[in-house]
């Protein structure tokens, strides 16, 4: 049975619209922390000229494979098992890397793993797009985000919503230069970086 995340159903269209200008040409994209796989399927269906590589830890693989097998898209290859916290980046190179709702769910060591992996696999000029909630100037941007942060830290004290400035500075240390910040629904944002 395919896993379904209600949050994905709500935000997949805005995410697709934000990424659309970057997906108008043929290319290869790697999604880190694909979760259920819904975002990847949604995007691969709309951009048949883009090969979309799903990836996540071992526990997520059955759900990812269920979605990938069910849709049978030629541009959606078999999901890759990848734990950025302890595995080396894949040897392939990509035009873009995308991750959604990962940074606030994990601690800084895993965020560094995401950055390191993205930097390693991206071609020069390639895009790294990060979707999720971020604090601004050390402040929550909504009461909902403050409540989400409290819940995250109750289950894992190392996790929580990160400040955008800290994420941007960390990315730069991995040769990922900040390009733009796009406001998204429900107090989320999309941070766009380019590999130097």
Protein backbone atom coordinates (compact mmCIF):
# COMPACT_ATOMS: atom_id res chain seq x y z
CA UNK A 1 0.00 0.00 0.00
CA UNK A 2 1.34 3.42 -0.93
CA UNK A 3 1.96 5.82 1.97
CA UNK A 4 0.16 9.15 1.74
CA UNK A 5 1.19 12.31 3.59
CA UNK A 6 -1.59 14.87 3.78
CA UNK A 7 0.96 17.69 3.91
CA UNK A 8 2.29 16.59 0.52
CA UNK A 9 -1.18 16.76 -0.96
CA UNK A 10 -1.52 20.34 0.29
CA UNK A 11 1.85 21.67 -0.82
CA UNK A 12 2.79 19.68 -3.92
CA UNK A 13 1.22 22.16 -6.36
CA UNK A 14 2.93 25.27 -4.87
CA UNK A 15 6.24 23.39 -4.79
CA UNK A 16 5.81 22.34 -8.41
CA UNK A 17 5.09 25.92 -9.42
CA UNK A 18 8.17 27.22 -7.57
CA UNK A 19 10.42 24.62 -9.22
CA UNK A 20 8.86 24.84 -12.70
CA UNK A 21 11.31 27.47 -14.09
CA UNK A 22 14.23 25.19 -13.16
CA UNK A 23 12.64 22.12 -14.73
CA UNK A 24 11.85 23.51 -18.17
CA UNK A 25 14.92 21.89 -19.75
CA UNK A 26 15.94 18.21 -19.86
CA UNK A 27 18.07 17.27 -16.86
CA UNK A 28 18.66 15.00 -13.89
CA UNK A 29 17.51 15.85 -10.37
CA UNK A 30 18.15 14.09 -7.06
CA UNK A 31 15.60 14.38 -4.28
CA UNK A 32 17.04 13.94 -0.79
CA UNK A 33 14.74 12.67 1.94
CA UNK A 34 11.93 11.79 -0.48
CA UNK A 35 9.69 10.52 2.34
CA UNK A 36 6.59 8.98 0.81
CA UNK A 37 7.74 9.76 -2.74
CA UNK A 38 4.68 11.86 -3.55
CA UNK A 39 6.61 15.02 -4.47
CA UNK A 40 8.86 13.13 -6.85
CA UNK A 41 5.96 11.42 -8.58
CA UNK A 42 4.04 14.69 -8.88
CA UNK A 43 7.04 16.45 -10.44
CA UNK A 44 8.11 13.56 -12.68
CA UNK A 45 4.59 13.37 -14.12
CA UNK A 46 4.69 17.05 -15.04
CA UNK A 47 8.22 17.11 -16.43
CA UNK A 48 8.76 13.94 -18.49
CA UNK A 49 12.04 15.37 -19.85
CA UNK A 50 13.53 15.47 -16.33
CA UNK A 51 14.87 12.28 -14.72
CA UNK A 52 13.84 12.46 -11.05
CA UNK A 53 15.82 10.27 -8.65
CA UNK A 54 14.06 9.54 -5.37
CA UNK A 55 16.24 8.76 -2.33
CA UNK A 56 15.84 8.20 1.39
CA UNK A 57 16.91 5.97 4.26
CA UNK A 58 16.20 2.23 4.27
CA UNK A 59 12.95 2.50 6.23
CA UNK A 60 11.38 4.68 3.51
CA UNK A 61 12.25 2.39 0.62
CA UNK A 62 9.09 0.20 0.58
CA UNK A 63 6.87 3.27 0.28
CA UNK A 64 9.07 4.89 -2.34
CA UNK A 65 9.12 1.71 -4.41
CA UNK A 66 5.34 1.36 -4.12
CA UNK A 67 4.83 4.82 -5.63
CA UNK A 68 7.55 4.37 -8.26
CA UNK A 69 6.23 0.98 -9.35
CA UNK A 70 2.61 2.10 -9.39
CA UNK A 71 3.13 5.05 -11.73
CA UNK A 72 5.68 3.29 -13.96
CA UNK A 73 7.23 6.49 -15.30
CA UNK A 74 10.33 6.11 -17.50
CA UNK A 75 11.86 9.22 -15.91
CA UNK A 76 11.38 7.94 -12.34
CA UNK A 77 14.07 5.28 -11.77
CA UNK A 78 14.23 2.82 -8.88
CA UNK A 79 14.61 4.77 -5.63
CA UNK A 80 18.08 4.97 -4.13
CA UNK A 81 18.77 4.05 -0.52
CA UNK A 82 20.73 6.97 0.88
CA UNK A 83 21.40 8.17 4.42
CA UNK A 84 23.31 11.44 4.11
CA UNK A 85 24.39 11.22 7.76
CA UNK A 86 26.56 8.14 7.23
CA UNK A 87 26.83 7.26 3.54
CA UNK A 88 29.02 8.75 0.84
CA UNK A 89 27.18 10.72 -1.88
CA UNK A 90 26.25 8.80 -5.04
CA UNK A 91 28.83 8.93 -7.83
CA UNK A 92 26.43 10.37 -10.40
CA UNK A 93 26.19 14.08 -11.12
CA UNK A 94 22.94 16.03 -11.22
CA UNK A 95 21.66 19.32 -12.56
CA UNK A 96 19.62 19.92 -9.44
CA UNK A 97 18.98 18.65 -5.91
CA UNK A 98 15.71 19.14 -4.03
CA UNK A 99 14.73 18.44 -0.45
CA UNK A 100 11.43 19.16 1.28
CA UNK A 101 10.59 19.21 4.98
CA UNK A 102 13.89 17.71 6.05
CA UNK A 103 15.97 20.50 7.59
CA UNK A 104 13.65 21.16 10.55
CA UNK A 105 13.12 17.45 11.25
CA UNK A 106 16.81 16.74 11.87
CA UNK A 107 19.78 18.09 13.79
CA UNK A 108 22.66 20.11 12.35
CA UNK A 109 24.90 17.07 11.66
CA UNK A 110 22.29 15.72 9.23
CA UNK A 111 21.78 19.18 7.69
CA UNK A 112 25.52 19.21 7.04
CA UNK A 113 25.12 15.80 5.42
CA UNK A 114 22.42 17.18 3.13
CA UNK A 115 24.64 20.11 2.16
CA UNK A 116 27.69 17.92 1.61
CA UNK A 117 25.76 15.47 -0.55
CA UNK A 118 24.16 18.23 -2.63
CA UNK A 119 27.49 19.94 -3.19
CA UNK A 120 29.19 16.66 -4.16
CA UNK A 121 26.66 15.61 -6.79
CA UNK A 122 25.87 18.99 -8.35
CA UNK A 123 27.45 20.26 -11.51
CA UNK A 124 28.83 23.81 -11.34
CA UNK A 125 25.86 26.15 -11.64
CA UNK A 126 23.46 23.42 -10.54
CA UNK A 127 20.52 24.21 -8.27
CA UNK A 128 19.87 23.17 -4.68
CA UNK A 129 16.29 23.92 -3.59
CA UNK A 130 15.30 23.55 0.08
CA UNK A 131 11.62 23.72 1.09
CA UNK A 132 10.25 24.06 4.59
CA UNK A 133 9.76 26.46 7.51
CA UNK A 134 12.62 28.74 8.55
CA UNK A 135 13.01 31.31 11.29
CA UNK A 136 13.96 34.84 10.26
CA UNK A 137 16.35 36.92 12.35
CA UNK A 138 16.06 34.34 15.10
CA UNK A 139 12.27 34.72 15.30
CA UNK A 140 9.40 32.42 14.42
CA UNK A 141 7.40 33.62 11.44
CA UNK A 142 4.07 32.33 12.80
CA UNK A 143 2.46 30.82 15.89
CA UNK A 144 2.02 27.61 13.92
CA UNK A 145 5.75 27.38 13.31
CA UNK A 146 6.44 28.02 17.00
CA UNK A 147 4.11 25.16 17.93
CA UNK A 148 5.72 22.92 15.29
CA UNK A 149 9.15 23.69 16.69
CA UNK A 150 8.05 22.76 20.21
CA UNK A 151 6.65 19.46 18.94
CA UNK A 152 9.80 18.69 16.97
CA UNK A 153 12.04 19.30 19.98
CA UNK A 154 9.79 17.20 22.23
CA UNK A 155 10.53 14.16 20.06
CA UNK A 156 14.16 15.04 19.26
CA UNK A 157 15.86 17.92 21.10
CA UNK A 158 18.48 18.19 18.32
CA UNK A 159 15.83 18.96 15.71
CA UNK A 160 13.81 22.12 15.22
CA UNK A 161 13.23 25.01 12.84
CA UNK A 162 16.52 26.55 11.75
CA UNK A 163 17.31 30.21 11.20
CA UNK A 164 17.58 31.09 7.51
CA UNK A 165 20.84 32.99 8.00
CA UNK A 166 22.51 29.99 9.65
CA UNK A 167 21.38 27.69 6.82
CA UNK A 168 22.61 30.13 4.17
CA UNK A 169 26.00 30.50 5.88
CA UNK A 170 26.38 26.73 6.22
CA UNK A 171 25.48 26.21 2.57
CA UNK A 172 28.15 28.66 1.48
CA UNK A 173 30.78 26.61 3.33
CA UNK A 174 29.83 23.77 0.95
CA UNK A 175 30.16 26.01 -2.13
CA UNK A 176 26.39 26.45 -2.36
CA UNK A 177 25.77 30.15 -2.88
CA UNK A 178 22.40 31.62 -1.88
CA UNK A 179 20.38 32.79 -4.88
CA UNK A 180 16.85 33.63 -3.74
CA UNK A 181 14.17 33.10 -1.11
CA UNK A 182 10.60 32.44 -2.22
CA UNK A 183 7.65 32.70 0.16
CA UNK A 184 5.41 29.62 0.13
CA UNK A 185 1.97 28.85 1.61
CA UNK A 186 1.47 27.98 5.29
CA UNK A 187 4.53 29.98 6.45
CA UNK A 188 6.98 27.83 4.50
CA UNK A 189 9.73 29.05 2.20
CA UNK A 190 11.90 27.79 -0.64
CA UNK A 191 15.56 28.67 -0.41
CA UNK A 192 17.43 28.42 -3.72
CA UNK A 193 21.20 27.92 -3.91
CA UNK A 194 23.61 27.44 -6.82
CA UNK A 195 26.75 25.33 -6.83
CA UNK A 196 29.82 27.52 -7.28
